[in-house]
Amino acid sequence: MIKLRSIVLAFMSIFVLNSCMDDNDIKEFNKSAIYWYNKIAHSIKASNLDKADNYYISLKSEHIHSPLLQTAMMMLANAHMNNEEYLLANYYFDEYKKRYGDSKNQEYIDFMKLKASFLGIKDVYKDQQLIQTTIDKALVFGQNYPNSTYTPLVDMLLIRLYMSQYMLNENIASLYDRLGKEKAAKIYREKNKNSIIKMSDIKIPPKTIIGKILD
């Protein structure tokens, strides 16, 4: 009886272990490019981007010259954008630009990278460097593509970034005023003197926090 119970428990353990296994536990390799591509597409549709990234690695390592790789990169870049994973989105845009960038798509890729940087700003206090970097990228975009169809959108991003920067400096200056540190307050107000944005241009609803400027 004890022996029978042990056997039953052993089979139950095997069943539980098998039921807990997912695709990551099954080592797959030497598959066709379309196999990995379909896996990527299915994982994106299921909102499992970790799996999609892993399948992309398999596609890239086993089929580096496959034309499906180009489409997969763009799929993953946009999927991570939609999932608010902007660093990963930028990674795929960078990869795409390195391998497939040309005069036909470079403008679009640069705009998407700029958009990803902009959307990646979550806290203006913590992301001050990212704000400045994104402003610099937007200005370079304008220089590189003066007649771009994206120019109105880039201008809008720039205005919102300048507004955020202006309000950040003003809030920090006000804080120093309350602390009685007039010299420090003056430094931050000086930064706003050369801004294309003026306080009269900014209308913030009551009780709106500075971070909402980027919403």
Foldseek 3Di string as FASTA:
>chain_A
DVVVVVVVVVVVVVVVVVVPDDPVVDDDAPDDLVVLLVQLVVCLVVVNLVSNVVSLVRNCVNPVPDPSNLVSLQVSLVSCVVVLVLVVSLVSLVVNCVPPNDPVCVLVSLVSNLVSLLSNDQDCVVCVVSLVVSLVSLVVSCVVCVPDPCVVVSVVSNVLSLVLLLVVLQVVLVVCVVVVNNVSSVVSVVVCPPGPDDPVNDDDPPPDDSSVSSD
